[in-house]
Amino acid sequence: MFDPIGNVARKIEIESWHIWFAWKPVTTINGERVWLKKIYRRQIVSYVDMDDWMHYEYGNIFDIIKQ
């Protein structure tokens, strides 16, 4: 992701993957919609220049192995 000034968005992993029950619909890093299943989740901090925000990434076991 780029902003008009040319800064590049970066992300930093805060937590490693852990099992989480998807009690609400979420989208995995491969674009799969998951709901009411056990999946893996990790917390990520994304930032551009001085602006940062936290969010989660979701995946299945194959996403974790691939990374």
C-alpha atoms as a PDB file:
ATOM      1  CA  MET A   1       0.000   0.000   0.000  1.00  0.00           C
ATOM      2  CA  PHE A   2       1.375   3.434  -0.909  1.00  0.00           C
ATOM      3  CA  ASP A   3       0.350   6.888   0.175  1.00  0.00           C
ATOM      4  CA  PRO A   4       0.671   9.979  -2.063  1.00  0.00           C
ATOM      5  CA  ILE A   5       3.963  11.004  -0.435  1.00  0.00           C
ATOM      6  CA  GLY A   6       5.620   7.690  -1.240  1.00  0.00           C
ATOM      7  CA  ASN A   7       5.728   6.080   2.197  1.00  0.00           C
ATOM      8  CA  VAL A   8       5.330   2.307   2.273  1.00  0.00           C
ATOM      9  CA  ALA A   9       2.972   0.637   4.725  1.00  0.00           C
ATOM     10  CA  ARG A  10       4.748  -1.831   6.996  1.00  0.00           C
ATOM     11  CA  LYS A  11       3.420  -4.427   9.388  1.00  0.00           C
ATOM     12  CA  ILE A  12       4.948  -5.901  12.514  1.00  0.00           C
ATOM     13  CA  GLU A  13       3.806  -9.152  14.114  1.00  0.00           C
ATOM     14  CA  ILE A  14       2.964  -8.611  17.791  1.00  0.00           C
ATOM     15  CA  GLU A  15       1.779 -12.109  18.723  1.00  0.00           C
ATOM     16  CA  SER A  16       2.465 -15.501  17.205  1.00  0.00           C
ATOM     17  CA  TRP A  17      -0.405 -17.566  15.817  1.00  0.00           C
ATOM     18  CA  HIS A  18      -2.797 -19.035  18.395  1.00  0.00           C
ATOM     19  CA  ILE A  19      -6.077 -20.947  18.157  1.00  0.00           C
ATOM     20  CA  TRP A  20      -9.199 -18.780  18.232  1.00  0.00           C
ATOM     21  CA  PHE A  21     -12.900 -19.602  17.816  1.00  0.00           C
ATOM     22  CA  ALA A  22     -14.391 -17.482  15.018  1.00  0.00           C
ATOM     23  CA  TRP A  23     -17.601 -16.416  16.777  1.00  0.00           C
ATOM     24  CA  LYS A  24     -18.116 -13.733  14.117  1.00  0.00           C
ATOM     25  CA  PRO A  25     -17.487 -13.961  10.353  1.00  0.00           C
ATOM     26  CA  VAL A  26     -13.840 -13.228   9.504  1.00  0.00           C
ATOM     27  CA  THR A  27     -11.741 -13.398   6.343  1.00  0.00           C
ATOM     28  CA  THR A  28      -8.481 -15.341   6.340  1.00  0.00           C
ATOM     29  CA  ILE A  29      -5.302 -14.069   4.694  1.00  0.00           C
ATOM     30  CA  ASN A  30      -6.221 -16.206   1.649  1.00  0.00           C
ATOM     31  CA  GLY A  31      -9.651 -14.576   1.323  1.00  0.00           C
ATOM     32  CA  GLU A  32     -11.685 -17.473   2.724  1.00  0.00           C
ATOM     33  CA  ARG A  33     -14.701 -16.507   4.865  1.00  0.00           C
ATOM     34  CA  VAL A  34     -14.857 -18.471   8.162  1.00  0.00           C
ATOM     35  CA  TRP A  35     -17.507 -18.495  10.845  1.00  0.00           C
ATOM     36  CA  LEU A  36     -18.189 -20.694  13.903  1.00  0.00           C
ATOM     37  CA  LYS A  37     -14.971 -22.709  13.491  1.00  0.00           C
ATOM     38  CA  LYS A  38     -11.615 -22.890  15.241  1.00  0.00           C
ATOM     39  CA  ILE A  39      -8.964 -21.009  13.253  1.00  0.00           C
ATOM     40  CA  TYR A  40      -5.642 -19.321  13.990  1.00  0.00           C
ATOM     41  CA  ARG A  41      -5.275 -15.612  14.763  1.00  0.00           C
ATOM     42  CA  ARG A  42      -2.383 -13.201  15.347  1.00  0.00           C
ATOM     43  CA  GLN A  43      -2.207  -9.501  16.137  1.00  0.00           C
ATOM     44  CA  ILE A  44      -0.471  -7.180  13.672  1.00  0.00           C
ATOM     45  CA  VAL A  45       0.553  -3.528  13.902  1.00  0.00           C
ATOM     46  CA  SER A  46       0.532  -1.688  10.573  1.00  0.00           C
ATOM     47  CA  TYR A  47       2.026   1.727  10.177  1.00  0.00           C
ATOM     48  CA  VAL A  48       2.699   4.395   7.588  1.00  0.00           C
ATOM     49  CA  ASP A  49       5.095   7.125   8.672  1.00  0.00           C
ATOM     50  CA  MET A  50       3.892   8.084  12.195  1.00  0.00           C
ATOM     51  CA  ASP A  51       0.336   6.662  11.892  1.00  0.00           C
ATOM     52  CA  ASP A  52      -0.139   3.139  13.237  1.00  0.00           C
ATOM     53  CA  TRP A  53      -3.063   0.824  13.967  1.00  0.00           C
ATOM     54  CA  MET A  54      -3.574  -2.686  15.348  1.00  0.00           C
ATOM     55  CA  HIS A  55      -5.614  -5.414  13.703  1.00  0.00           C
ATOM     56  CA  TYR A  56      -5.788  -9.198  13.492  1.00  0.00           C
ATOM     57  CA  GLU A  57      -4.920 -11.657  10.751  1.00  0.00           C
ATOM     58  CA  TYR A  58      -6.689 -15.006  10.528  1.00  0.00           C
ATOM     59  CA  GLY A  59      -5.593 -18.216   8.872  1.00  0.00           C
ATOM     60  CA  ASN A  60      -5.822 -21.983   8.844  1.00  0.00           C
ATOM     61  CA  ILE A  61      -3.023 -24.454   9.488  1.00  0.00           C
ATOM     62  CA  PHE A  62      -1.887 -24.329   5.840  1.00  0.00           C
ATOM     63  CA  ASP A  63      -1.474 -20.525   6.006  1.00  0.00           C
ATOM     64  CA  ILE A  64       0.745 -20.918   9.061  1.00  0.00           C
ATOM     65  CA  ILE A  65       2.893 -23.636   7.485  1.00  0.00           C
ATOM     66  CA  LYS A  66       3.321 -21.569   4.303  1.00  0.00           C
ATOM     67  CA  GLN A  67       4.722 -18.633   6.287  1.00  0.00           C
END
